[in-house]
Amino acid sequence: MPLITFGEAREVEAESGHSLMQAALDGGIDDILAECGGSCSCATCHCYIDEPWRSKLPAADDMEQGILDGVLEPEEGSRLSCQIEVRDDLEGMEVRLPASQY
């Protein structure tokens, strides 16, 4: 189970094959609200993925990009954590979180 760091050094053991959003929820990361339960319809699991991790992930598809167009604080590395599948090679990934999901 890869270790993922959310925000200010909050480490979570994430289960491979599950979404990054689910890992955050299971790990008690309160900044990920996940109001739609991972159906890519609300953006309350918005996060930032910086290099070198961003290049290891598939690009956001059109649906995800459409939702990201409405987030409060978009950045180049903006992603919806519900759309990122945890893999073993993401061990050590750092995920930044926005100040607010609303």
PDB file of N, CA and C in Angstrom:
ATOM      1  N   MET A   1       0.843  -1.181   0.000  1.00  0.00           N
ATOM      2  CA  MET A   1       0.000   0.000   0.000  1.00  0.00           C
ATOM      3  C   MET A   1       0.885   1.241   0.000  1.00  0.00           C
ATOM      4  N   PRO A   2       0.814   2.023  -1.076  1.00  0.00           N
ATOM      5  CA  PRO A   2       1.658   3.214  -1.151  1.00  0.00           C
ATOM      6  C   PRO A   2       1.295   4.259  -0.104  1.00  0.00           C
ATOM      7  N   LEU A   3       2.294   4.952   0.349  1.00  0.00           N
ATOM      8  CA  LEU A   3       2.118   6.041   1.303  1.00  0.00           C
ATOM      9  C   LEU A   3       2.002   7.347   0.518  1.00  0.00           C
ATOM     10  N   ILE A   4       0.879   8.063   0.713  1.00  0.00           N
ATOM     11  CA  ILE A   4       0.605   9.321   0.023  1.00  0.00           C
ATOM     12  C   ILE A   4       0.538  10.423   1.079  1.00  0.00           C
ATOM     13  N   THR A   5       1.127  11.577   0.778  1.00  0.00           N
ATOM     14  CA  THR A   5       1.092  12.716   1.699  1.00  0.00           C
ATOM     15  C   THR A   5       0.084  13.739   1.196  1.00  0.00           C
ATOM     16  N   PHE A   6      -0.870  14.090   2.052  1.00  0.00           N
ATOM     17  CA  PHE A   6      -1.887  15.094   1.748  1.00  0.00           C
ATOM     18  C   PHE A   6      -1.602  16.354   2.555  1.00  0.00           C
ATOM     19  N   GLY A   7      -1.647  17.501   1.893  1.00  0.00           N
ATOM     20  CA  GLY A   7      -1.502  18.775   2.590  1.00  0.00           C
ATOM     21  C   GLY A   7      -0.200  18.867   3.349  1.00  0.00           C
ATOM     22  N   GLU A   8      -0.298  19.337   4.566  1.00  0.00           N
ATOM     23  CA  GLU A   8       0.883  19.575   5.406  1.00  0.00           C
ATOM     24  C   GLU A   8       1.322  18.298   6.121  1.00  0.00           C
ATOM     25  N   ALA A   9       1.930  17.399   5.356  1.00  0.00           N
ATOM     26  CA  ALA A   9       2.559  16.194   5.908  1.00  0.00           C
ATOM     27  C   ALA A   9       1.600  15.253   6.630  1.00  0.00           C
ATOM     28  N   ARG A  10       0.383  15.101   6.099  1.00  0.00           N
ATOM     29  CA  ARG A  10      -0.542  14.097   6.639  1.00  0.00           C
ATOM     30  C   ARG A  10      -0.449  12.864   5.748  1.00  0.00           C
ATOM     31  N   GLU A  11       0.227  11.841   6.250  1.00  0.00           N
ATOM     32  CA  GLU A  11       0.482  10.641   5.469  1.00  0.00           C
ATOM     33  C   GLU A  11      -0.649   9.632   5.612  1.00  0.00           C
ATOM     34  N   VAL A  12      -1.001   9.028   4.484  1.00  0.00           N
ATOM     35  CA  VAL A  12      -2.085   8.043   4.438  1.00  0.00           C
ATOM     36  C   VAL A  12      -1.586   6.840   3.655  1.00  0.00           C
ATOM     37  N   GLU A  13      -1.822   5.648   4.182  1.00  0.00           N
ATOM     38  CA  GLU A  13      -1.567   4.432   3.415  1.00  0.00           C
ATOM     39  C   GLU A  13      -2.763   4.238   2.495  1.00  0.00           C
ATOM     40  N   ALA A  14      -2.506   4.233   1.206  1.00  0.00           N
ATOM     41  CA  ALA A  14      -3.570   4.160   0.207  1.00  0.00           C
ATOM     42  C   ALA A  14      -3.588   2.777  -0.430  1.00  0.00           C
ATOM     43  N   GLU A  15      -4.767   2.264  -0.663  1.00  0.00           N
ATOM     44  CA  GLU A  15      -4.903   0.947  -1.274  1.00  0.00           C
ATOM     45  C   GLU A  15      -4.856   1.065  -2.792  1.00  0.00           C
ATOM     46  N   SER A  16      -3.937   0.341  -3.402  1.00  0.00           N
ATOM     47  CA  SER A  16      -3.833   0.343  -4.856  1.00  0.00           C
ATOM     48  C   SER A  16      -5.143  -0.125  -5.473  1.00  0.00           C
ATOM     49  N   GLY A  17      -5.527   0.537  -6.564  1.00  0.00           N
ATOM     50  CA  GLY A  17      -6.778   0.209  -7.235  1.00  0.00           C
ATOM     51  C   GLY A  17      -7.949   1.060  -6.787  1.00  0.00           C
ATOM     52  N   HIS A  18      -7.811   1.715  -5.653  1.00  0.00           N
ATOM     53  CA  HIS A  18      -8.854   2.620  -5.160  1.00  0.00           C
ATOM     54  C   HIS A  18      -8.526   4.032  -5.635  1.00  0.00           C
ATOM     55  N   SER A  19      -9.492   4.930  -5.523  1.00  0.00           N
ATOM     56  CA  SER A  19      -9.238   6.312  -5.923  1.00  0.00           C
ATOM     57  C   SER A  19      -8.445   7.040  -4.840  1.00  0.00           C
ATOM     58  N   LEU A  20      -7.760   8.078  -5.272  1.00  0.00           N
ATOM     59  CA  LEU A  20      -7.057   8.945  -4.339  1.00  0.00           C
ATOM     60  C   LEU A  20      -8.050   9.584  -3.368  1.00  0.00           C
ATOM     61  N   MET A  21      -9.252   9.907  -3.855  1.00  0.00           N
ATOM     62  CA  MET A  21     -10.302  10.460  -3.004  1.00  0.00           C
ATOM     63  C   MET A  21     -10.655   9.487  -1.872  1.00  0.00           C
ATOM     64  N   GLN A  22     -10.813   8.208  -2.213  1.00  0.00           N
ATOM     65  CA  GLN A  22     -11.172   7.216  -1.201  1.00  0.00           C
ATOM     66  C   GLN A  22     -10.055   7.055  -0.176  1.00  0.00           C
ATOM     67  N   ALA A  23      -8.820   7.122  -0.635  1.00  0.00           N
ATOM     68  CA  ALA A  23      -7.683   7.048   0.291  1.00  0.00           C
ATOM     69  C   ALA A  23      -7.728   8.218   1.268  1.00  0.00           C
ATOM     70  N   ALA A  24      -8.046   9.411   0.757  1.00  0.00           N
ATOM     71  CA  ALA A  24      -8.141  10.592   1.623  1.00  0.00           C
ATOM     72  C   ALA A  24      -9.255  10.424   2.651  1.00  0.00           C
ATOM     73  N   LEU A  25     -10.408   9.966   2.210  1.00  0.00           N
ATOM     74  CA  LEU A  25     -11.530   9.772   3.134  1.00  0.00           C
ATOM     75  C   LEU A  25     -11.190   8.717   4.184  1.00  0.00           C
ATOM     76  N   ASP A  26     -10.639   7.599   3.735  1.00  0.00           N
ATOM     77  CA  ASP A  26     -10.271   6.523   4.669  1.00  0.00           C
ATOM     78  C   ASP A  26      -9.208   6.986   5.655  1.00  0.00           C
ATOM     79  N   GLY A  27      -8.356   7.926   5.222  1.00  0.00           N
ATOM     80  CA  GLY A  27      -7.285   8.426   6.070  1.00  0.00           C
ATOM     81  C   GLY A  27      -7.671   9.619   6.919  1.00  0.00           C
ATOM     82  N   GLY A  28      -8.941  10.022   6.859  1.00  0.00           N
ATOM     83  CA  GLY A  28      -9.403  11.122   7.701  1.00  0.00           C
ATOM     84  C   GLY A  28      -8.975  12.497   7.231  1.00  0.00           C
ATOM     85  N   ILE A  29      -8.759  12.659   5.941  1.00  0.00           N
ATOM     86  CA  ILE A  29      -8.380  13.969   5.389  1.00  0.00           C
ATOM     87  C   ILE A  29      -9.661  14.789   5.223  1.00  0.00           C
ATOM     88  N   ASP A  30      -9.912  15.683   6.154  1.00  0.00           N
ATOM     89  CA  ASP A  30     -11.160  16.449   6.186  1.00  0.00           C
ATOM     90  C   ASP A  30     -11.291  17.461   5.056  1.00  0.00           C
ATOM     91  N   ASP A  31     -10.186  17.816   4.419  1.00  0.00           N
ATOM     92  CA  ASP A  31     -10.225  18.809   3.341  1.00  0.00           C
ATOM     93  C   ASP A  31     -10.774  18.239   2.036  1.00  0.00           C
ATOM     94  N   ILE A  32     -10.915  16.939   1.945  1.00  0.00           N
ATOM     95  CA  ILE A  32     -11.551  16.294   0.797  1.00  0.00           C
ATOM     96  C   ILE A  32     -12.971  15.955   1.231  1.00  0.00           C
ATOM     97  N   LEU A  33     -13.956  16.661   0.653  1.00  0.00           N
ATOM     98  CA  LEU A  33     -15.351  16.506   1.074  1.00  0.00           C
ATOM     99  C   LEU A  33     -16.064  15.384   0.337  1.00  0.00           C
ATOM    100  N   ALA A  34     -15.781  15.231  -0.943  1.00  0.00           N
ATOM    101  CA  ALA A  34     -16.314  14.131  -1.757  1.00  0.00           C
ATOM    102  C   ALA A  34     -17.836  14.034  -1.690  1.00  0.00           C
ATOM    103  N   GLU A  35     -18.504  15.146  -1.879  1.00  0.00           N
ATOM    104  CA  GLU A  35     -19.958  15.181  -1.746  1.00  0.00           C
ATOM    105  C   GLU A  35     -20.691  14.293  -2.747  1.00  0.00           C
ATOM    106  N   CYS A  36     -20.138  14.088  -3.931  1.00  0.00           N
ATOM    107  CA  CYS A  36     -20.826  13.256  -4.927  1.00  0.00           C
ATOM    108  C   CYS A  36     -20.408  11.791  -4.830  1.00  0.00           C
ATOM    109  N   GLY A  37     -19.545  11.472  -3.888  1.00  0.00           N
ATOM    110  CA  GLY A  37     -19.139  10.082  -3.692  1.00  0.00           C
ATOM    111  C   GLY A  37     -18.198   9.542  -4.748  1.00  0.00           C
ATOM    112  N   GLY A  38     -17.625  10.417  -5.537  1.00  0.00           N
ATOM    113  CA  GLY A  38     -16.655   9.972  -6.532  1.00  0.00           C
ATOM    114  C   GLY A  38     -17.207   9.833  -7.933  1.00  0.00           C
ATOM    115  N   SER A  39     -18.342  10.457  -8.211  1.00  0.00           N
ATOM    116  CA  SER A  39     -18.953  10.333  -9.537  1.00  0.00           C
ATOM    117  C   SER A  39     -18.548  11.440 -10.510  1.00  0.00           C
ATOM    118  N   CYS A  40     -17.545  12.222 -10.164  1.00  0.00           N
ATOM    119  CA  CYS A  40     -17.008  13.269 -11.031  1.00  0.00           C
ATOM    120  C   CYS A  40     -18.076  14.298 -11.381  1.00  0.00           C
ATOM    121  N   SER A  41     -18.779  14.780 -10.332  1.00  0.00           N
ATOM    122  CA  SER A  41     -19.835  15.749 -10.620  1.00  0.00           C
ATOM    123  C   SER A  41     -19.866  16.943  -9.684  1.00  0.00           C
ATOM    124  N   CYS A  42     -18.904  17.069  -8.738  1.00  0.00           N
ATOM    125  CA  CYS A  42     -19.039  18.174  -7.789  1.00  0.00           C
ATOM    126  C   CYS A  42     -17.759  18.968  -7.514  1.00  0.00           C
ATOM    127  N   ALA A  43     -16.613  18.435  -7.745  1.00  0.00           N
ATOM    128  CA  ALA A  43     -15.318  19.090  -7.522  1.00  0.00           C
ATOM    129  C   ALA A  43     -14.966  19.302  -6.055  1.00  0.00           C
ATOM    130  N   THR A  44     -15.652  18.651  -5.121  1.00  0.00           N
ATOM    131  CA  THR A  44     -15.283  18.805  -3.709  1.00  0.00           C
ATOM    132  C   THR A  44     -14.191  17.824  -3.286  1.00  0.00           C
ATOM    133  N   CYS A  45     -13.533  17.244  -4.266  1.00  0.00           N
ATOM    134  CA  CYS A  45     -12.335  16.436  -4.013  1.00  0.00           C
ATOM    135  C   CYS A  45     -11.148  17.029  -4.768  1.00  0.00           C
ATOM    136  N   HIS A  46     -11.268  18.306  -5.104  1.00  0.00           N
ATOM    137  CA  HIS A  46     -10.217  19.021  -5.847  1.00  0.00           C
ATOM    138  C   HIS A  46      -8.890  18.961  -5.089  1.00  0.00           C
ATOM    139  N   CYS A  47      -7.827  18.738  -5.819  1.00  0.00           N
ATOM    140  CA  CYS A  47      -6.486  18.725  -5.244  1.00  0.00           C
ATOM    141  C   CYS A  47      -5.504  19.208  -6.297  1.00  0.00           C
ATOM    142  N   TYR A  48      -4.247  19.339  -5.902  1.00  0.00           N
ATOM    143  CA  TYR A  48      -3.185  19.751  -6.815  1.00  0.00           C
ATOM    144  C   TYR A  48      -2.116  18.668  -6.835  1.00  0.00           C
ATOM    145  N   ILE A  49      -1.743  18.265  -8.028  1.00  0.00           N
ATOM    146  CA  ILE A  49      -0.673  17.289  -8.216  1.00  0.00           C
ATOM    147  C   ILE A  49       0.463  17.994  -8.961  1.00  0.00           C
ATOM    148  N   ASP A  50       1.600  18.101  -8.326  1.00  0.00           N
ATOM    149  CA  ASP A  50       2.752  18.767  -8.929  1.00  0.00           C
ATOM    150  C   ASP A  50       3.670  17.739  -9.576  1.00  0.00           C
ATOM    151  N   GLU A  51       4.573  18.235 -10.409  1.00  0.00           N
ATOM    152  CA  GLU A  51       5.618  17.373 -10.975  1.00  0.00           C
ATOM    153  C   GLU A  51       6.536  16.937  -9.842  1.00  0.00           C
ATOM    154  N   PRO A  52       7.105  15.770  -9.919  1.00  0.00           N
ATOM    155  CA  PRO A  52       7.098  14.852 -11.048  1.00  0.00           C
ATOM    156  C   PRO A  52       5.883  13.930 -11.088  1.00  0.00           C
ATOM    157  N   TRP A  53       5.016  14.019 -10.124  1.00  0.00           N
ATOM    158  CA  TRP A  53       3.882  13.095 -10.028  1.00  0.00           C
ATOM    159  C   TRP A  53       2.862  13.295 -11.138  1.00  0.00           C
ATOM    160  N   ARG A  54       2.640  14.522 -11.550  1.00  0.00           N
ATOM    161  CA  ARG A  54       1.621  14.813 -12.561  1.00  0.00           C
ATOM    162  C   ARG A  54       1.897  14.044 -13.856  1.00  0.00           C
ATOM    163  N   SER A  55       3.151  13.951 -14.231  1.00  0.00           N
ATOM    164  CA  SER A  55       3.493  13.260 -15.485  1.00  0.00           C
ATOM    165  C   SER A  55       3.337  11.744 -15.377  1.00  0.00           C
ATOM    166  N   LYS A  56       3.180  11.224 -14.181  1.00  0.00           N
ATOM    167  CA  LYS A  56       2.981   9.787 -13.990  1.00  0.00           C
ATOM    168  C   LYS A  56       1.507   9.398 -14.073  1.00  0.00           C
ATOM    169  N   LEU A  57       0.632  10.406 -14.162  1.00  0.00           N
ATOM    170  CA  LEU A  57      -0.812  10.153 -14.178  1.00  0.00           C
ATOM    171  C   LEU A  57      -1.379  10.353 -15.568  1.00  0.00           C
ATOM    172  N   PRO A  58      -2.448   9.626 -15.897  1.00  0.00           N
ATOM    173  CA  PRO A  58      -3.142   9.920 -17.153  1.00  0.00           C
ATOM    174  C   PRO A  58      -3.710  11.343 -17.081  1.00  0.00           C
ATOM    175  N   ALA A  59      -3.794  11.998 -18.220  1.00  0.00           N
ATOM    176  CA  ALA A  59      -4.357  13.347 -18.268  1.00  0.00           C
ATOM    177  C   ALA A  59      -5.839  13.310 -17.889  1.00  0.00           C
ATOM    178  N   ALA A  60      -6.331  14.433 -17.379  1.00  0.00           N
ATOM    179  CA  ALA A  60      -7.755  14.557 -17.073  1.00  0.00           C
ATOM    180  C   ALA A  60      -8.551  14.422 -18.375  1.00  0.00           C
ATOM    181  N   ASP A  61      -9.633  13.643 -18.327  1.00  0.00           N
ATOM    182  CA  ASP A  61     -10.471  13.516 -19.517  1.00  0.00           C
ATOM    183  C   ASP A  61     -11.394  14.728 -19.638  1.00  0.00           C
ATOM    184  N   ASP A  62     -12.185  14.779 -20.682  1.00  0.00           N
ATOM    185  CA  ASP A  62     -13.052  15.934 -20.933  1.00  0.00           C
ATOM    186  C   ASP A  62     -14.045  16.176 -19.806  1.00  0.00           C
ATOM    187  N   MET A  63     -14.591  15.107 -19.234  1.00  0.00           N
ATOM    188  CA  MET A  63     -15.555  15.255 -18.146  1.00  0.00           C
ATOM    189  C   MET A  63     -14.898  15.890 -16.921  1.00  0.00           C
ATOM    190  N   GLU A  64     -13.753  15.355 -16.526  1.00  0.00           N
ATOM    191  CA  GLU A  64     -13.036  15.910 -15.376  1.00  0.00           C
ATOM    192  C   GLU A  64     -12.629  17.354 -15.641  1.00  0.00           C
ATOM    193  N   GLN A  65     -12.135  17.624 -16.845  1.00  0.00           N
ATOM    194  CA  GLN A  65     -11.697  18.980 -17.169  1.00  0.00           C
ATOM    195  C   GLN A  65     -12.865  19.960 -17.113  1.00  0.00           C
ATOM    196  N   GLY A  66     -14.047  19.524 -17.536  1.00  0.00           N
ATOM    197  CA  GLY A  66     -15.223  20.377 -17.457  1.00  0.00           C
ATOM    198  C   GLY A  66     -15.572  20.744 -16.026  1.00  0.00           C
ATOM    199  N   ILE A  67     -15.453  19.797 -15.107  1.00  0.00           N
ATOM    200  CA  ILE A  67     -15.715  20.062 -13.689  1.00  0.00           C
ATOM    201  C   ILE A  67     -14.625  20.986 -13.130  1.00  0.00           C
ATOM    202  N   LEU A  68     -13.382  20.739 -13.507  1.00  0.00           N
ATOM    203  CA  LEU A  68     -12.267  21.563 -13.013  1.00  0.00           C
ATOM    204  C   LEU A  68     -12.373  23.016 -13.470  1.00  0.00           C
ATOM    205  N   ASP A  69     -13.056  23.251 -14.574  1.00  0.00           N
ATOM    206  CA  ASP A  69     -13.234  24.621 -15.053  1.00  0.00           C
ATOM    207  C   ASP A  69     -14.009  25.483 -14.053  1.00  0.00           C
ATOM    208  N   GLY A  70     -14.721  24.854 -13.124  1.00  0.00           N
ATOM    209  CA  GLY A  70     -15.516  25.602 -12.156  1.00  0.00           C
ATOM    210  C   GLY A  70     -14.957  25.656 -10.746  1.00  0.00           C
ATOM    211  N   VAL A  71     -13.744  25.155 -10.513  1.00  0.00           N
ATOM    212  CA  VAL A  71     -13.199  25.183  -9.152  1.00  0.00           C
ATOM    213  C   VAL A  71     -12.765  26.602  -8.783  1.00  0.00           C
ATOM    214  N   LEU A  72     -12.697  26.868  -7.474  1.00  0.00           N
ATOM    215  CA  LEU A  72     -12.376  28.208  -6.988  1.00  0.00           C
ATOM    216  C   LEU A  72     -10.954  28.651  -7.268  1.00  0.00           C
ATOM    217  N   GLU A  73      -9.999  27.786  -7.044  1.00  0.00           N
ATOM    218  CA  GLU A  73      -8.588  28.155  -7.163  1.00  0.00           C
ATOM    219  C   GLU A  73      -7.860  27.198  -8.103  1.00  0.00           C
ATOM    220  N   PRO A  74      -8.162  27.274  -9.413  1.00  0.00           N
ATOM    221  CA  PRO A  74      -7.503  26.344 -10.333  1.00  0.00           C
ATOM    222  C   PRO A  74      -6.021  26.662 -10.493  1.00  0.00           C
ATOM    223  N   GLU A  75      -5.254  25.616 -10.673  1.00  0.00           N
ATOM    224  CA  GLU A  75      -3.821  25.724 -10.956  1.00  0.00           C
ATOM    225  C   GLU A  75      -3.491  24.711 -12.048  1.00  0.00           C
ATOM    226  N   GLU A  76      -2.288  24.792 -12.557  1.00  0.00           N
ATOM    227  CA  GLU A  76      -1.876  23.866 -13.614  1.00  0.00           C
ATOM    228  C   GLU A  76      -2.038  22.404 -13.184  1.00  0.00           C
ATOM    229  N   GLY A  77      -1.775  22.107 -11.936  1.00  0.00           N
ATOM    230  CA  GLY A  77      -1.857  20.734 -11.447  1.00  0.00           C
ATOM    231  C   GLY A  77      -3.197  20.355 -10.843  1.00  0.00           C
ATOM    232  N   SER A  78      -4.245  21.112 -11.091  1.00  0.00           N
ATOM    233  CA  SER A  78      -5.567  20.804 -10.531  1.00  0.00           C
ATOM    234  C   SER A  78      -6.089  19.480 -11.072  1.00  0.00           C
ATOM    235  N   ARG A  79      -6.578  18.656 -10.164  1.00  0.00           N
ATOM    236  CA  ARG A  79      -7.200  17.377 -10.522  1.00  0.00           C
ATOM    237  C   ARG A  79      -8.326  17.101  -9.535  1.00  0.00           C
ATOM    238  N   LEU A  80      -9.212  16.195  -9.926  1.00  0.00           N
ATOM    239  CA  LEU A  80     -10.218  15.664  -9.010  1.00  0.00           C
ATOM    240  C   LEU A  80      -9.661  14.350  -8.482  1.00  0.00           C
ATOM    241  N   SER A  81      -9.542  14.258  -7.178  1.00  0.00           N
ATOM    242  CA  SER A  81      -8.919  13.056  -6.608  1.00  0.00           C
ATOM    243  C   SER A  81      -9.751  11.802  -6.848  1.00  0.00           C
ATOM    244  N   CYS A  82     -11.039  11.954  -7.140  1.00  0.00           N
ATOM    245  CA  CYS A  82     -11.877  10.787  -7.442  1.00  0.00           C
ATOM    246  C   CYS A  82     -11.510  10.160  -8.776  1.00  0.00           C
ATOM    247  N   GLN A  83     -10.780  10.879  -9.614  1.00  0.00           N
ATOM    248  CA  GLN A  83     -10.429  10.396 -10.947  1.00  0.00           C
ATOM    249  C   GLN A  83      -9.003   9.861 -11.035  1.00  0.00           C
ATOM    250  N   ILE A  84      -8.316   9.816  -9.904  1.00  0.00           N
ATOM    251  CA  ILE A  84      -6.935   9.324  -9.881  1.00  0.00           C
ATOM    252  C   ILE A  84      -6.911   7.979  -9.176  1.00  0.00           C
ATOM    253  N   GLU A  85      -6.495   6.952  -9.903  1.00  0.00           N
ATOM    254  CA  GLU A  85      -6.389   5.618  -9.314  1.00  0.00           C
ATOM    255  C   GLU A  85      -5.029   5.462  -8.655  1.00  0.00           C
ATOM    256  N   VAL A  86      -5.035   5.023  -7.418  1.00  0.00           N
ATOM    257  CA  VAL A  86      -3.794   4.792  -6.675  1.00  0.00           C
ATOM    258  C   VAL A  86      -3.106   3.552  -7.252  1.00  0.00           C
ATOM    259  N   ARG A  87      -1.808   3.713  -7.491  1.00  0.00           N
ATOM    260  CA  ARG A  87      -0.984   2.605  -7.956  1.00  0.00           C
ATOM    261  C   ARG A  87       0.253   2.520  -7.072  1.00  0.00           C
ATOM    262  N   ASP A  88       0.869   1.364  -7.036  1.00  0.00           N
ATOM    263  CA  ASP A  88       2.054   1.176  -6.207  1.00  0.00           C
ATOM    264  C   ASP A  88       3.180   2.142  -6.566  1.00  0.00           C
ATOM    265  N   ASP A  89       3.292   2.512  -7.850  1.00  0.00           N
ATOM    266  CA  ASP A  89       4.384   3.405  -8.252  1.00  0.00           C
ATOM    267  C   ASP A  89       4.148   4.857  -7.838  1.00  0.00           C
ATOM    268  N   LEU A  90       3.031   5.137  -7.168  1.00  0.00           N
ATOM    269  CA  LEU A  90       2.771   6.479  -6.647  1.00  0.00           C
ATOM    270  C   LEU A  90       3.230   6.624  -5.194  1.00  0.00           C
ATOM    271  N   GLU A  91       3.950   5.631  -4.696  1.00  0.00           N
ATOM    272  CA  GLU A  91       4.540   5.679  -3.349  1.00  0.00           C
ATOM    273  C   GLU A  91       5.279   6.997  -3.158  1.00  0.00           C
ATOM    274  N   GLY A  92       4.930   7.725  -2.104  1.00  0.00           N
ATOM    275  CA  GLY A  92       5.599   8.983  -1.790  1.00  0.00           C
ATOM    276  C   GLY A  92       4.978  10.212  -2.437  1.00  0.00           C
ATOM    277  N   MET A  93       3.914  10.048  -3.220  1.00  0.00           N
ATOM    278  CA  MET A  93       3.300  11.186  -3.901  1.00  0.00           C
ATOM    279  C   MET A  93       2.802  12.215  -2.886  1.00  0.00           C
ATOM    280  N   GLU A  94       2.988  13.468  -3.236  1.00  0.00           N
ATOM    281  CA  GLU A  94       2.514  14.575  -2.402  1.00  0.00           C
ATOM    282  C   GLU A  94       1.333  15.240  -3.096  1.00  0.00           C
ATOM    283  N   VAL A  95       0.262  15.432  -2.351  1.00  0.00           N
ATOM    284  CA  VAL A  95      -0.969  16.012  -2.868  1.00  0.00           C
ATOM    285  C   VAL A  95      -1.242  17.296  -2.092  1.00  0.00           C
ATOM    286  N   ARG A  96      -1.248  18.418  -2.795  1.00  0.00           N
ATOM    287  CA  ARG A  96      -1.598  19.683  -2.143  1.00  0.00           C
ATOM    288  C   ARG A  96      -3.102  19.864  -2.207  1.00  0.00           C
ATOM    289  N   LEU A  97      -3.621  20.574  -1.213  1.00  0.00           N
ATOM    290  CA  LEU A  97      -5.068  20.776  -1.115  1.00  0.00           C
ATOM    291  C   LEU A  97      -5.400  22.271  -1.157  1.00  0.00           C
ATOM    292  N   PRO A  98      -6.534  22.614  -1.776  1.00  0.00           N
ATOM    293  CA  PRO A  98      -6.930  24.031  -1.799  1.00  0.00           C
ATOM    294  C   PRO A  98      -7.352  24.495  -0.413  1.00  0.00           C
ATOM    295  N   ALA A  99      -7.362  25.806  -0.221  1.00  0.00           N
ATOM    296  CA  ALA A  99      -7.775  26.373   1.077  1.00  0.00           C
ATOM    297  C   ALA A  99      -9.225  26.011   1.384  1.00  0.00           C
ATOM    298  N   SER A 100     -10.037  25.868   0.347  1.00  0.00           N
ATOM    299  CA  SER A 100     -11.450  25.538   0.536  1.00  0.00           C
ATOM    300  C   SER A 100     -11.962  24.835  -0.713  1.00  0.00           C
ATOM    301  N   GLN A 101     -12.924  23.943  -0.537  1.00  0.00           N
ATOM    302  CA  GLN A 101     -13.549  23.276  -1.674  1.00  0.00           C
ATOM    303  C   GLN A 101     -14.733  24.071  -2.208  1.00  0.00           C
ATOM    304  N   TYR A 102     -15.187  25.098  -1.457  1.00  0.00           N
ATOM    305  CA  TYR A 102     -16.333  25.922  -1.891  1.00  0.00           C
ATOM    306  C   TYR A 102     -15.875  27.315  -2.183  1.00  0.00           C
TER     307      TYR A 102
END
